């Protein structure tokens, strides 16, 4: 067989046609275009997420700085109040004494104590009388029916 035989040209033509067809299929097929657009969308979203993370980091740093400034100003105001109270000789009305007086009052308001505080809570009507709080089995029954047989309990 010669190198310039028609069969050689046909085989080379088929191989080149197959390669060109495969390339055109990959370039112009709907699935490939869809996959390429999805890849592009994913890359854009990743870029947007990175920008949002960067922006949130800056925002949180700004909030932290504002809180730090507010705390410093509150400390300065508290110090100024203490100094003014000492200057006016208000020993029992200093902010520390006021805080100590308010904390027990708040605690007492949250947890009622006293002889009538326990009795002020009414027992639900379908509960047995007494302190155990269990349901009464004979609640709402008229009279004591001791002679009627009770169903067996399992």
Protein backbone atom coordinates (compact mmCIF):
# COMPACT_ATOMS: atom_id res chain seq x y z
CA UNK A 1 0.00 0.00 0.00
CA UNK A 2 1.24 3.40 -0.92
CA UNK A 3 1.29 6.42 1.34
CA UNK A 4 -0.91 8.38 -1.06
CA UNK A 5 -3.58 5.74 -1.55
CA UNK A 6 -7.23 6.77 -1.36
CA UNK A 7 -7.76 4.58 1.72
CA UNK A 8 -5.17 6.51 3.65
CA UNK A 9 -6.86 9.78 2.76
CA UNK A 10 -10.24 8.36 3.75
CA UNK A 11 -8.99 7.18 7.15
CA UNK A 12 -7.29 10.51 7.84
CA UNK A 13 -10.47 12.33 6.73
CA UNK A 14 -12.63 10.21 9.05
CA UNK A 15 -10.31 10.86 12.02
CA UNK A 16 -10.19 14.62 11.34
CA UNK A 17 -13.99 14.69 10.84
CA UNK A 18 -14.51 12.86 14.12
CA UNK A 19 -12.27 15.30 15.99
CA UNK A 20 -13.98 18.32 14.40
CA UNK A 21 -17.43 16.88 15.13
CA UNK A 22 -16.51 16.24 18.75
CA UNK A 23 -15.19 19.79 19.13
CA UNK A 24 -18.28 21.34 17.53
CA UNK A 25 -20.54 19.22 19.71
CA UNK A 26 -18.79 20.40 22.85
CA UNK A 27 -18.86 24.05 21.75
CA UNK A 28 -22.39 24.23 20.40
CA UNK A 29 -24.33 21.70 22.46
CA UNK A 30 -27.04 23.02 24.76
CA UNK A 31 -25.83 21.02 27.77
CA UNK A 32 -22.29 22.36 27.53
CA UNK A 33 -23.53 25.93 27.19
CA UNK A 34 -25.74 25.38 30.24
CA UNK A 35 -22.84 23.91 32.22
CA UNK A 36 -20.59 26.80 31.23
CA UNK A 37 -23.24 29.34 32.30
CA UNK A 38 -23.67 27.50 35.61
CA UNK A 39 -19.91 27.59 36.19
CA UNK A 40 -19.91 31.32 35.46
CA UNK A 41 -22.84 31.87 37.86
CA UNK A 42 -21.09 29.90 40.60
CA UNK A 43 -17.93 31.97 40.17
CA UNK A 44 -19.93 35.22 40.33
CA UNK A 45 -21.75 34.09 43.49
CA UNK A 46 -18.49 33.07 45.15
CA UNK A 47 -17.11 36.52 44.35
CA UNK A 48 -20.23 38.17 45.83
CA UNK A 49 -19.98 36.04 48.97
CA UNK A 50 -16.33 36.99 49.41
CA UNK A 51 -17.25 40.69 49.09
CA UNK A 52 -20.09 40.29 51.61
CA UNK A 53 -17.76 38.58 54.10
CA UNK A 54 -15.25 41.37 53.70
CA UNK A 55 -17.99 43.98 54.18
CA UNK A 56 -19.41 42.22 57.25
CA UNK A 57 -15.97 42.04 58.81
CA UNK A 58 -15.58 45.79 58.42
CA UNK A 59 -19.09 46.39 59.74
CA UNK A 60 -18.53 44.23 62.81
CA UNK A 61 -15.24 45.99 63.52
CA UNK A 62 -17.07 49.33 63.37
CA UNK A 63 -19.76 48.10 65.76
CA UNK A 64 -17.08 46.84 68.14
CA UNK A 65 -15.35 50.23 68.07
CA UNK A 66 -18.65 52.02 68.78
CA UNK A 67 -19.35 49.72 71.73
CA UNK A 68 -15.88 50.34 73.07
CA UNK A 69 -16.44 54.11 72.87
CA UNK A 70 -19.84 53.81 74.57
CA UNK A 71 -18.33 51.75 77.41
CA UNK A 72 -15.54 54.29 77.87
CA UNK A 73 -18.06 57.16 77.99
CA UNK A 74 -20.25 55.26 80.49
CA UNK A 75 -17.21 54.66 82.71
CA UNK A 76 -16.30 58.34 82.52
CA UNK A 77 -19.86 59.36 83.43
CA UNK A 78 -19.95 56.94 86.34
CA UNK A 79 -16.61 58.26 87.59
CA UNK A 80 -17.91 61.84 87.29
CA UNK A 81 -21.06 60.96 89.27
CA UNK A 82 -18.98 59.34 92.01
CA UNK A 83 -16.74 62.41 92.20
CA UNK A 84 -19.75 64.74 92.36
CA UNK A 85 -21.36 62.64 95.09
CA UNK A 86 -18.16 62.73 97.12
CA UNK A 87 -17.86 66.49 96.57
CA UNK A 88 -21.39 67.07 97.87
CA UNK A 89 -20.87 64.55 100.70
CA UNK A 90 -23.63 62.23 99.57
CA UNK A 91 -22.18 59.07 101.09
CA UNK A 92 -25.36 56.98 101.15
CA UNK A 93 -26.46 58.10 97.68
CA UNK A 94 -23.37 57.11 95.72
CA UNK A 95 -23.96 55.03 92.58
CA UNK A 96 -22.46 51.96 94.25
CA UNK A 97 -24.86 52.26 97.21
CA UNK A 98 -27.79 52.86 94.87
CA UNK A 99 -26.90 49.75 92.84
CA UNK A 100 -26.69 47.65 96.01
CA UNK A 101 -30.10 48.87 97.16
CA UNK A 102 -31.71 48.22 93.77
CA UNK A 103 -30.43 44.68 93.28
CA UNK A 104 -32.13 43.14 96.36
CA UNK A 105 -35.36 45.03 95.55
CA UNK A 106 -35.35 43.61 92.03
CA UNK A 107 -34.65 40.12 93.37
CA UNK A 108 -37.55 40.37 95.82
CA UNK A 109 -39.92 41.48 93.10
CA UNK A 110 -38.96 38.50 90.97
CA UNK A 111 -39.40 35.91 93.74
CA UNK A 112 -42.35 36.65 96.02
CA UNK A 113 -41.88 35.65 99.64
CA UNK A 114 -44.08 35.90 102.67
CA UNK A 115 -46.84 34.00 104.40
CA UNK A 116 -49.53 34.74 101.82
CA UNK A 117 -47.40 34.33 98.69
CA UNK A 118 -47.77 30.55 98.65
CA UNK A 119 -51.49 30.67 99.34
CA UNK A 120 -52.13 33.34 96.74
CA UNK A 121 -51.67 30.84 93.92
CA UNK A 122 -54.94 29.02 93.42
CA UNK A 123 -54.92 25.28 92.91
CA UNK A 124 -56.47 24.22 89.60
CA UNK A 125 -60.06 23.07 90.02
CA UNK A 126 -59.44 19.53 88.76
CA UNK A 127 -56.58 18.90 91.21
CA UNK A 128 -56.97 17.27 94.58
CA UNK A 129 -57.01 19.43 97.66
CA UNK A 130 -53.69 19.51 99.44
CA UNK A 131 -50.12 20.16 98.57
CA UNK A 132 -49.28 17.11 96.46
CA UNK A 133 -50.87 18.54 93.31
CA UNK A 134 -52.00 15.23 91.83
CA UNK A 135 -55.32 14.79 90.06
CA UNK A 136 -58.15 13.65 92.28
CA UNK A 137 -59.78 10.44 91.14
CA UNK A 138 -63.13 11.31 92.66
CA UNK A 139 -63.26 14.92 91.48
CA UNK A 140 -66.77 15.98 90.54
CA UNK A 141 -68.45 12.82 91.84
CA UNK A 142 -71.46 13.44 94.03
CA UNK A 143 -71.35 11.71 97.37
CA UNK A 144 -69.21 8.81 98.45
CA UNK A 145 -70.15 5.67 96.50
CA UNK A 146 -68.24 3.09 98.51
CA UNK A 147 -70.72 0.30 97.71
CA UNK A 148 -70.37 0.52 93.93
CA UNK A 149 -67.74 -1.82 92.53
CA UNK A 150 -64.76 -0.21 90.91
CA UNK A 151 -63.35 -1.48 87.60
CA UNK A 152 -60.20 -3.60 87.90
CA UNK A 153 -56.88 -1.77 87.61
CA UNK A 154 -53.97 -3.17 85.67
